[in-house]
Amino acid sequence: MADSLLSYAITTGVFIGLVVILSASRAKRAGKKRQTLVGNSEEIKQSSA
């Protein structure tokens, strides 16, 4: 009984850790896209015109 509970806890922890890592890397990529869009030369031209 204790072994199955321990394996369930480990599996759940690994799954949650994986979700956290994947969502963090996705947010990081989205942040990089926003930064490059802000620095886009076309947008700078349009905003100054």
Protein backbone atom coordinates (compact mmCIF):
# COMPACT_ATOMS: atom_id res chain seq x y z
CA MET A 1 0.00 0.00 0.00
CA ALA A 2 2.76 2.44 0.94
CA ASP A 3 4.72 1.55 -2.19
CA SER A 4 1.81 2.37 -4.47
CA LEU A 5 1.22 5.66 -2.65
CA LEU A 6 4.90 6.57 -3.01
CA SER A 7 4.97 5.73 -6.70
CA TYR A 8 1.77 7.74 -7.22
CA ALA A 9 3.33 10.74 -5.44
CA ILE A 10 6.53 10.50 -7.48
CA THR A 11 4.62 10.21 -10.77
CA THR A 12 2.42 13.17 -9.88
CA GLY A 13 5.45 15.26 -8.89
CA VAL A 14 7.26 14.47 -12.12
CA PHE A 15 4.17 15.35 -14.17
CA ILE A 16 3.67 18.67 -12.36
CA GLY A 17 7.37 19.49 -12.74
CA LEU A 18 7.20 18.80 -16.47
CA VAL A 19 4.16 21.06 -16.88
CA VAL A 20 5.92 23.86 -14.99
CA ILE A 21 9.07 23.56 -17.10
CA LEU A 22 7.15 23.48 -20.38
CA SER A 23 4.93 26.43 -19.50
CA ALA A 24 7.96 28.46 -18.38
CA SER A 25 9.78 27.81 -21.64
CA ARG A 26 6.65 28.70 -23.60
CA ALA A 27 6.27 31.97 -21.70
CA LYS A 28 9.94 32.73 -22.30
CA ARG A 29 9.52 32.23 -26.06
CA ALA A 30 6.41 34.43 -26.09
CA GLY A 31 8.34 37.16 -24.28
CA LYS A 32 11.12 37.04 -26.86
CA LYS A 33 8.59 37.39 -29.69
CA ARG A 34 7.05 40.47 -28.08
CA GLN A 35 10.46 42.10 -27.67
CA THR A 36 11.36 41.60 -31.32
CA LEU A 37 7.98 42.92 -32.45
CA VAL A 38 8.41 46.06 -30.37
CA GLY A 39 11.77 46.73 -31.97
CA ASN A 40 10.50 46.15 -35.50
CA SER A 41 11.68 48.92 -37.88
CA GLU A 42 8.29 49.10 -39.66
CA GLU A 43 6.46 49.81 -36.39
CA ILE A 44 9.00 52.48 -35.48
CA LYS A 45 8.48 54.21 -38.83
CA GLN A 46 4.69 54.10 -38.46
CA SER A 47 4.74 55.43 -34.90
CA SER A 48 7.00 58.37 -35.78
CA ALA A 49 5.05 59.30 -38.94
